[in-house]
């Protein structure tokens, strides 16, 4: 089992699933037949094998299943988690915070408040960066407009 458990088992009470990413993209294989090698995950996610191994070493991808020969075998749930981690990386969230978030997920539902606080903090940082990028875009637009106008008068 990996970090995320998104569906209850038959013995667990039905609770809302902790969806770990945007609407899930289509998996290459159906659940139950979802045993991917590291090279297949590399091809599907765009991450490198080195990154996948590093994620496992630092605790972002603990408990990756292994084949009888010791090769990593990833599941659809792992792919969903990697998609979410990739989104967190895009936000600029520090790796230490990502690892902390993964630890909180493994600790269970009693950590929802702390997880939410971590994500809310990251969201504030993203909004600040978006505002900065909008300002930068406005400067670029003014410069482009200037050059378009000046280029037509010469």
N, C-alpha and C. Protein backbone atom coordinates (compact mmCIF):
# COMPACT_ATOMS: atom_id res chain seq x y z
N UNK A 1 0.84 -1.17 0.00
CA UNK A 1 0.00 0.00 0.00
C UNK A 1 0.88 1.23 0.00
N UNK A 2 0.45 2.26 -0.69
CA UNK A 2 1.21 3.49 -0.73
C UNK A 2 0.58 4.52 0.19
N UNK A 3 0.97 5.75 0.03
CA UNK A 3 0.56 6.81 0.93
C UNK A 3 -0.95 6.99 0.97
N UNK A 4 -1.58 6.94 -0.16
CA UNK A 4 -3.01 7.24 -0.23
C UNK A 4 -3.84 5.97 -0.20
N UNK A 5 -4.87 5.95 0.57
CA UNK A 5 -5.87 4.91 0.48
C UNK A 5 -7.16 5.62 0.15
N UNK A 6 -7.60 5.50 -1.09
CA UNK A 6 -8.70 6.32 -1.56
C UNK A 6 -10.05 5.62 -1.52
N UNK A 7 -10.06 4.33 -1.30
CA UNK A 7 -11.34 3.65 -1.23
C UNK A 7 -11.37 2.77 0.01
N UNK A 8 -12.50 2.76 0.72
CA UNK A 8 -12.57 1.92 1.90
C UNK A 8 -12.64 0.45 1.52
N UNK A 9 -12.12 -0.40 2.39
CA UNK A 9 -12.25 -1.84 2.17
C UNK A 9 -13.62 -2.27 2.66
N UNK A 10 -13.96 -3.50 2.42
CA UNK A 10 -15.29 -3.98 2.79
C UNK A 10 -15.55 -3.90 4.29
N UNK A 11 -14.51 -3.98 5.11
CA UNK A 11 -14.71 -3.97 6.56
C UNK A 11 -14.68 -2.56 7.15
N UNK A 12 -14.27 -1.56 6.36
CA UNK A 12 -14.20 -0.20 6.87
C UNK A 12 -15.51 0.52 6.57
N UNK A 13 -15.92 1.43 7.46
CA UNK A 13 -17.11 2.20 7.15
C UNK A 13 -16.82 3.14 5.98
N UNK A 14 -17.83 3.38 5.17
CA UNK A 14 -17.65 4.26 4.01
C UNK A 14 -17.47 5.70 4.49
N UNK A 15 -16.35 6.28 4.15
CA UNK A 15 -16.08 7.68 4.47
C UNK A 15 -15.66 8.36 3.18
N UNK A 16 -15.78 9.68 3.14
CA UNK A 16 -15.36 10.37 1.91
C UNK A 16 -13.91 10.05 1.58
N UNK A 17 -13.66 9.80 0.32
CA UNK A 17 -12.31 9.48 -0.13
C UNK A 17 -11.46 10.74 -0.15
N UNK A 18 -10.19 10.61 0.20
CA UNK A 18 -9.24 11.70 0.11
C UNK A 18 -8.70 11.68 -1.30
N UNK A 19 -9.35 12.41 -2.17
CA UNK A 19 -8.95 12.45 -3.56
C UNK A 19 -7.61 13.18 -3.64
N UNK A 20 -6.63 12.55 -4.24
CA UNK A 20 -5.28 13.08 -4.16
C UNK A 20 -4.87 13.91 -5.37
N UNK A 21 -5.76 14.17 -6.29
CA UNK A 21 -5.39 15.02 -7.41
C UNK A 21 -6.64 15.58 -8.06
N UNK A 22 -6.42 16.30 -9.11
CA UNK A 22 -7.52 16.78 -9.94
C UNK A 22 -8.24 15.55 -10.47
N UNK A 23 -9.33 15.73 -11.19
CA UNK A 23 -9.99 14.53 -11.70
C UNK A 23 -8.97 13.58 -12.31
N UNK A 24 -9.04 12.35 -11.84
CA UNK A 24 -8.02 11.37 -12.22
C UNK A 24 -7.99 11.19 -13.72
N UNK A 25 -6.78 11.20 -14.26
CA UNK A 25 -6.68 10.91 -15.67
C UNK A 25 -6.81 9.41 -15.85
N UNK A 26 -7.06 9.03 -17.03
CA UNK A 26 -7.27 7.62 -17.31
C UNK A 26 -5.98 6.84 -17.07
N UNK A 27 -6.11 5.75 -16.36
CA UNK A 27 -4.95 4.90 -16.09
C UNK A 27 -4.72 3.98 -17.29
N UNK A 28 -3.47 3.61 -17.52
CA UNK A 28 -3.18 2.71 -18.64
C UNK A 28 -3.80 1.32 -18.47
N UNK A 29 -3.97 0.89 -17.23
CA UNK A 29 -4.53 -0.44 -16.96
C UNK A 29 -5.62 -0.32 -15.91
N UNK A 30 -6.59 -1.22 -15.96
CA UNK A 30 -7.64 -1.19 -14.93
C UNK A 30 -7.10 -1.64 -13.58
N UNK A 31 -7.76 -1.20 -12.50
CA UNK A 31 -7.38 -1.66 -11.17
C UNK A 31 -7.40 -3.18 -11.15
N UNK A 32 -6.46 -3.75 -10.42
CA UNK A 32 -6.34 -5.20 -10.35
C UNK A 32 -5.32 -5.73 -11.36
N UNK A 33 -5.12 -4.97 -12.44
CA UNK A 33 -4.10 -5.34 -13.43
C UNK A 33 -3.05 -4.24 -13.51
N UNK A 34 -2.98 -3.45 -12.46
CA UNK A 34 -2.15 -2.23 -12.45
C UNK A 34 -0.84 -2.44 -11.73
N UNK A 35 0.04 -3.19 -12.33
CA UNK A 35 1.37 -3.39 -11.78
C UNK A 35 2.36 -2.87 -12.80
N UNK A 36 2.87 -1.65 -12.57
CA UNK A 36 3.74 -0.98 -13.52
C UNK A 36 5.20 -1.06 -13.05
N UNK A 37 6.08 -1.26 -14.01
CA UNK A 37 7.51 -1.21 -13.70
C UNK A 37 7.92 0.25 -13.58
N UNK A 38 9.11 0.48 -13.07
CA UNK A 38 9.59 1.84 -12.93
C UNK A 38 9.72 2.52 -14.30
N UNK A 39 10.11 1.78 -15.32
CA UNK A 39 10.23 2.38 -16.65
C UNK A 39 8.86 2.75 -17.22
N UNK A 40 7.84 1.97 -16.92
CA UNK A 40 6.49 2.33 -17.36
C UNK A 40 6.00 3.59 -16.65
N UNK A 41 6.30 3.70 -15.36
CA UNK A 41 5.91 4.89 -14.61
C UNK A 41 6.66 6.12 -15.13
N UNK A 42 7.92 5.95 -15.46
CA UNK A 42 8.71 7.04 -16.06
C UNK A 42 8.02 7.52 -17.34
N UNK A 43 7.64 6.58 -18.20
CA UNK A 43 7.00 6.94 -19.47
C UNK A 43 5.64 7.60 -19.24
N UNK A 44 4.91 7.14 -18.27
CA UNK A 44 3.56 7.66 -18.03
C UNK A 44 3.58 9.01 -17.33
N UNK A 45 4.50 9.23 -16.39
CA UNK A 45 4.48 10.45 -15.57
C UNK A 45 5.43 11.53 -16.05
N UNK A 46 6.47 11.14 -16.78
CA UNK A 46 7.48 12.11 -17.17
C UNK A 46 8.54 12.33 -16.08
N UNK A 47 8.38 11.69 -14.95
CA UNK A 47 9.40 11.75 -13.89
C UNK A 47 10.54 10.81 -14.27
N UNK A 48 11.70 11.05 -13.71
CA UNK A 48 12.82 10.15 -13.98
C UNK A 48 12.83 9.00 -12.97
N UNK A 49 13.51 7.93 -13.33
CA UNK A 49 13.65 6.80 -12.40
C UNK A 49 14.39 7.26 -11.15
N UNK A 50 15.37 8.14 -11.33
CA UNK A 50 16.10 8.68 -10.18
C UNK A 50 15.15 9.41 -9.24
N UNK A 51 14.25 10.22 -9.79
CA UNK A 51 13.28 10.96 -8.97
C UNK A 51 12.36 10.00 -8.23
N UNK A 52 11.88 8.97 -8.90
CA UNK A 52 11.00 8.00 -8.25
C UNK A 52 11.71 7.30 -7.10
N UNK A 53 12.95 6.93 -7.29
CA UNK A 53 13.71 6.28 -6.22
C UNK A 53 13.96 7.26 -5.07
N UNK A 54 14.25 8.51 -5.42
CA UNK A 54 14.47 9.54 -4.41
C UNK A 54 13.20 9.77 -3.60
N UNK A 55 12.05 9.86 -4.27
CA UNK A 55 10.77 10.02 -3.56
C UNK A 55 10.58 8.89 -2.56
N UNK A 56 10.94 7.69 -2.95
CA UNK A 56 10.81 6.54 -2.05
C UNK A 56 11.77 6.68 -0.86
N UNK A 57 13.00 7.09 -1.14
CA UNK A 57 14.01 7.24 -0.08
C UNK A 57 13.62 8.29 0.95
N UNK A 58 13.04 9.41 0.52
CA UNK A 58 12.74 10.50 1.45
C UNK A 58 11.37 10.38 2.10
N UNK A 59 10.58 9.39 1.69
CA UNK A 59 9.29 9.17 2.33
C UNK A 59 8.10 9.70 1.58
N UNK A 60 8.29 10.18 0.36
CA UNK A 60 7.14 10.62 -0.44
C UNK A 60 6.42 9.45 -1.09
N UNK A 61 7.10 8.37 -1.31
CA UNK A 61 6.53 7.17 -1.94
C UNK A 61 6.93 5.93 -1.15
N UNK A 62 6.54 5.86 0.11
CA UNK A 62 6.93 4.67 0.87
C UNK A 62 6.06 3.47 0.49
N UNK A 63 6.56 2.33 0.78
CA UNK A 63 5.81 1.08 0.63
C UNK A 63 5.43 0.77 -0.81
N UNK A 64 6.30 1.07 -1.75
CA UNK A 64 6.05 0.65 -3.13
C UNK A 64 6.18 -0.86 -3.16
N UNK A 65 5.18 -1.51 -3.74
CA UNK A 65 5.22 -2.97 -3.83
C UNK A 65 6.43 -3.41 -4.64
N UNK A 66 6.86 -4.64 -4.38
CA UNK A 66 7.99 -5.23 -5.11
C UNK A 66 7.57 -6.58 -5.68
N UNK A 67 8.15 -6.91 -6.81
CA UNK A 67 7.92 -8.23 -7.41
C UNK A 67 8.73 -9.26 -6.63
N UNK A 68 8.57 -10.51 -6.97
CA UNK A 68 9.34 -11.57 -6.28
C UNK A 68 10.84 -11.43 -6.53
N UNK A 69 11.21 -10.68 -7.58
CA UNK A 69 12.63 -10.45 -7.86
C UNK A 69 13.12 -9.12 -7.29
N UNK A 70 12.25 -8.41 -6.59
CA UNK A 70 12.65 -7.16 -5.95
C UNK A 70 12.43 -5.91 -6.79
N UNK A 71 11.86 -6.07 -7.99
CA UNK A 71 11.59 -4.89 -8.82
C UNK A 71 10.37 -4.15 -8.30
N UNK A 72 10.43 -2.81 -8.36
CA UNK A 72 9.30 -2.00 -7.94
C UNK A 72 8.11 -2.26 -8.84
N UNK A 73 6.95 -2.30 -8.23
CA UNK A 73 5.69 -2.47 -8.96
C UNK A 73 4.73 -1.40 -8.46
N UNK A 74 4.42 -0.45 -9.31
CA UNK A 74 3.55 0.67 -8.96
C UNK A 74 2.11 0.36 -9.35
N UNK A 75 1.17 0.94 -8.61
CA UNK A 75 -0.25 0.74 -8.86
C UNK A 75 -0.87 2.03 -9.39
N UNK A 76 -2.14 1.94 -9.79
CA UNK A 76 -2.87 3.14 -10.21
C UNK A 76 -2.92 4.16 -9.07
N UNK A 77 -3.06 3.68 -7.86
CA UNK A 77 -3.07 4.57 -6.69
C UNK A 77 -1.73 5.31 -6.58
N UNK A 78 -0.65 4.61 -6.86
CA UNK A 78 0.67 5.25 -6.87
C UNK A 78 0.73 6.34 -7.94
N UNK A 79 0.19 6.04 -9.12
CA UNK A 79 0.18 7.04 -10.20
C UNK A 79 -0.60 8.28 -9.78
N UNK A 80 -1.74 8.08 -9.11
CA UNK A 80 -2.54 9.22 -8.63
C UNK A 80 -1.74 10.04 -7.62
N UNK A 81 -1.06 9.36 -6.71
CA UNK A 81 -0.26 10.05 -5.70
C UNK A 81 0.87 10.84 -6.37
N UNK A 82 1.54 10.22 -7.35
CA UNK A 82 2.61 10.91 -8.06
C UNK A 82 2.09 12.14 -8.80
N UNK A 83 0.89 12.04 -9.33
CA UNK A 83 0.27 13.19 -10.00
C UNK A 83 0.07 14.32 -9.00
N UNK A 84 -0.40 13.99 -7.81
CA UNK A 84 -0.60 14.99 -6.77
C UNK A 84 0.73 15.60 -6.31
N UNK A 85 1.72 14.77 -6.09
CA UNK A 85 3.04 15.25 -5.67
C UNK A 85 3.62 16.18 -6.73
N UNK A 86 3.42 15.83 -7.99
CA UNK A 86 3.90 16.69 -9.08
C UNK A 86 3.21 18.04 -9.03
N UNK A 87 1.93 18.06 -8.73
CA UNK A 87 1.20 19.33 -8.58
C UNK A 87 1.77 20.13 -7.41
N UNK A 88 2.06 19.46 -6.30
CA UNK A 88 2.65 20.16 -5.16
C UNK A 88 4.00 20.76 -5.53
N UNK A 89 4.79 20.03 -6.30
CA UNK A 89 6.08 20.56 -6.74
C UNK A 89 5.88 21.83 -7.57
N UNK A 90 4.88 21.81 -8.44
CA UNK A 90 4.60 22.98 -9.28
C UNK A 90 4.19 24.20 -8.46
N UNK A 91 3.61 23.98 -7.30
CA UNK A 91 3.22 25.11 -6.45
C UNK A 91 4.43 25.76 -5.80
N UNK A 92 5.56 25.07 -5.81
CA UNK A 92 6.73 25.58 -5.12
C UNK A 92 6.80 25.13 -3.67
N UNK A 93 5.92 24.23 -3.28
CA UNK A 93 5.95 23.72 -1.91
C UNK A 93 7.31 23.10 -1.63
N UNK A 94 7.94 23.46 -0.53
CA UNK A 94 9.23 22.84 -0.19
C UNK A 94 9.09 21.32 -0.03
N UNK A 95 10.12 20.60 -0.42
CA UNK A 95 10.09 19.14 -0.33
C UNK A 95 9.84 18.69 1.11
N UNK A 96 10.40 19.39 2.07
CA UNK A 96 10.18 19.02 3.47
C UNK A 96 8.70 19.09 3.82
N UNK A 97 7.99 20.09 3.30
CA UNK A 97 6.55 20.20 3.55
C UNK A 97 5.79 19.08 2.84
N UNK A 98 6.27 18.71 1.66
CA UNK A 98 5.62 17.61 0.95
C UNK A 98 5.78 16.30 1.72
N UNK A 99 6.97 16.09 2.26
CA UNK A 99 7.21 14.88 3.06
C UNK A 99 6.35 14.92 4.31
N UNK A 100 6.25 16.08 4.94
CA UNK A 100 5.39 16.22 6.12
C UNK A 100 3.94 15.90 5.77
N UNK A 101 3.47 16.40 4.64
CA UNK A 101 2.11 16.12 4.20
C UNK A 101 1.92 14.61 4.02
N UNK A 102 2.88 13.94 3.38
CA UNK A 102 2.80 12.49 3.19
C UNK A 102 2.75 11.76 4.53
N UNK A 103 3.54 12.22 5.49
CA UNK A 103 3.52 11.63 6.83
C UNK A 103 2.14 11.79 7.46
N UNK A 104 1.56 12.98 7.31
CA UNK A 104 0.23 13.24 7.87
C UNK A 104 -0.82 12.35 7.24
N UNK A 105 -0.72 12.13 5.94
CA UNK A 105 -1.67 11.24 5.26
C UNK A 105 -1.57 9.84 5.85
N UNK A 106 -0.35 9.38 6.06
CA UNK A 106 -0.16 8.04 6.62
C UNK A 106 -0.67 7.93 8.05
N UNK A 107 -0.65 9.05 8.78
CA UNK A 107 -1.13 9.03 10.17
C UNK A 107 -2.64 8.91 10.26
N UNK A 108 -3.36 9.26 9.21
CA UNK A 108 -4.80 9.04 9.19
C UNK A 108 -5.65 10.30 9.26
N UNK A 109 -6.94 10.06 9.39
CA UNK A 109 -7.94 11.13 9.32
C UNK A 109 -7.79 12.17 10.42
N UNK A 110 -7.20 11.81 11.53
CA UNK A 110 -7.06 12.76 12.64
C UNK A 110 -6.12 13.91 12.30
N UNK A 111 -5.48 13.86 11.12
CA UNK A 111 -4.55 14.93 10.73
C UNK A 111 -5.15 15.86 9.67
N UNK A 112 -6.44 15.76 9.42
CA UNK A 112 -7.07 16.60 8.39
C UNK A 112 -6.80 18.08 8.63
N UNK A 113 -6.93 18.54 9.87
CA UNK A 113 -6.74 19.97 10.15
C UNK A 113 -5.32 20.42 9.80
N UNK A 114 -4.33 19.62 10.16
CA UNK A 114 -2.95 19.99 9.87
C UNK A 114 -2.67 19.93 8.37
N UNK A 115 -3.25 18.93 7.70
CA UNK A 115 -3.09 18.84 6.24
C UNK A 115 -3.70 20.06 5.57
N UNK A 116 -4.91 20.41 5.99
CA UNK A 116 -5.59 21.57 5.42
C UNK A 116 -4.76 22.83 5.63
N UNK A 117 -4.21 23.01 6.83
CA UNK A 117 -3.40 24.20 7.12
C UNK A 117 -2.18 24.25 6.21
N UNK A 118 -1.55 23.12 5.99
CA UNK A 118 -0.38 23.06 5.12
C UNK A 118 -0.76 23.44 3.68
N UNK A 119 -1.87 22.91 3.21
CA UNK A 119 -2.32 23.22 1.85
C UNK A 119 -2.80 24.67 1.73
N UNK A 120 -3.44 25.18 2.76
CA UNK A 120 -3.88 26.58 2.73
C UNK A 120 -2.68 27.52 2.68
N UNK A 121 -1.64 27.22 3.41
CA UNK A 121 -0.42 28.02 3.38
C UNK A 121 0.19 28.01 1.99
N UNK A 122 0.24 26.83 1.39
CA UNK A 122 0.78 26.71 0.03
C UNK A 122 -0.10 27.47 -0.95
N UNK A 123 -1.40 27.41 -0.76
CA UNK A 123 -2.32 28.14 -1.64
C UNK A 123 -2.07 29.64 -1.57
N UNK A 124 -1.85 30.16 -0.37
CA UNK A 124 -1.55 31.59 -0.23
C UNK A 124 -0.27 31.95 -0.98
N UNK A 125 0.74 31.09 -0.87
CA UNK A 125 1.99 31.33 -1.59
C UNK A 125 1.76 31.33 -3.10
N UNK A 126 0.94 30.40 -3.58
CA UNK A 126 0.65 30.33 -5.01
C UNK A 126 -0.09 31.59 -5.47
N UNK A 127 -1.05 32.04 -4.69
CA UNK A 127 -1.78 33.26 -5.06
C UNK A 127 -0.85 34.47 -5.13
N UNK A 128 0.10 34.54 -4.23
CA UNK A 128 1.09 35.63 -4.27
C UNK A 128 1.91 35.54 -5.55
N UNK A 129 2.35 34.34 -5.89
CA UNK A 129 3.14 34.15 -7.12
C UNK A 129 2.32 34.46 -8.36
N UNK A 130 1.03 34.09 -8.35
CA UNK A 130 0.17 34.39 -9.49
C UNK A 130 0.05 35.90 -9.67
N UNK A 131 -0.13 36.63 -8.58
CA UNK A 131 -0.22 38.10 -8.66
C UNK A 131 1.08 38.68 -9.21
N UNK A 132 2.21 38.17 -8.74
CA UNK A 132 3.50 38.64 -9.25
C UNK A 132 3.64 38.35 -10.74
N UNK A 133 3.20 37.17 -11.17
CA UNK A 133 3.27 36.82 -12.59
C UNK A 133 2.34 37.68 -13.43
N UNK A 134 1.16 38.02 -12.89
CA UNK A 134 0.25 38.92 -13.62
C UNK A 134 0.89 40.29 -13.81
N UNK A 135 1.53 40.81 -12.77
CA UNK A 135 2.24 42.09 -12.89
C UNK A 135 3.34 42.00 -13.93
N UNK A 136 4.09 40.92 -13.91
CA UNK A 136 5.16 40.72 -14.88
C UNK A 136 4.60 40.63 -16.29
N UNK A 137 3.49 39.93 -16.44
CA UNK A 137 2.84 39.81 -17.75
C UNK A 137 2.39 41.17 -18.26
N UNK A 138 1.88 42.01 -17.37
CA UNK A 138 1.44 43.35 -17.76
C UNK A 138 2.64 44.16 -18.28
N UNK A 139 3.79 44.04 -17.63
CA UNK A 139 4.99 44.74 -18.10
C UNK A 139 5.37 44.24 -19.49
N UNK A 140 5.37 42.94 -19.67
CA UNK A 140 5.70 42.37 -20.99
C UNK A 140 4.72 42.85 -22.05
N UNK A 141 3.43 42.87 -21.73
CA UNK A 141 2.42 43.33 -22.68
C UNK A 141 2.66 44.77 -23.09
N UNK A 142 3.01 45.63 -22.12
CA UNK A 142 3.29 47.04 -22.43
C UNK A 142 4.51 47.15 -23.35
N UNK A 143 5.54 46.39 -23.07
CA UNK A 143 6.74 46.44 -23.90
C UNK A 143 6.43 45.93 -25.32
N UNK A 144 5.69 44.84 -25.40
CA UNK A 144 5.32 44.29 -26.72
C UNK A 144 4.50 45.31 -27.50
N UNK A 145 3.55 45.93 -26.83
CA UNK A 145 2.72 46.96 -27.46
C UNK A 145 3.58 48.13 -27.94
N UNK A 146 4.51 48.57 -27.10
CA UNK A 146 5.41 49.66 -27.47
C UNK A 146 6.18 49.30 -28.74
N UNK A 147 6.77 48.11 -28.77
CA UNK A 147 7.56 47.73 -29.93
C UNK A 147 6.68 47.54 -31.16
N UNK A 148 5.47 47.06 -30.99
CA UNK A 148 4.56 46.90 -32.12
C UNK A 148 4.20 48.27 -32.70
N UNK A 149 3.96 49.25 -31.83
CA UNK A 149 3.62 50.60 -32.26
C UNK A 149 4.82 51.28 -32.90
N UNK A 150 5.97 51.19 -32.25
CA UNK A 150 7.19 51.83 -32.78
C UNK A 150 7.63 51.17 -34.08
N UNK A 151 7.46 49.87 -34.18
CA UNK A 151 7.87 49.17 -35.39
C UNK A 151 7.04 49.56 -36.59
N UNK A 152 5.79 49.96 -36.37
CA UNK A 152 4.91 50.35 -37.47
C UNK A 152 5.15 51.78 -37.93
N UNK A 153 5.76 52.61 -37.09
CA UNK A 153 6.00 54.02 -37.46
C UNK A 153 7.33 54.21 -38.14
N UNK A 154 8.11 53.20 -38.25
CA UNK A 154 9.44 53.35 -38.87
C UNK A 154 9.47 52.77 -40.24
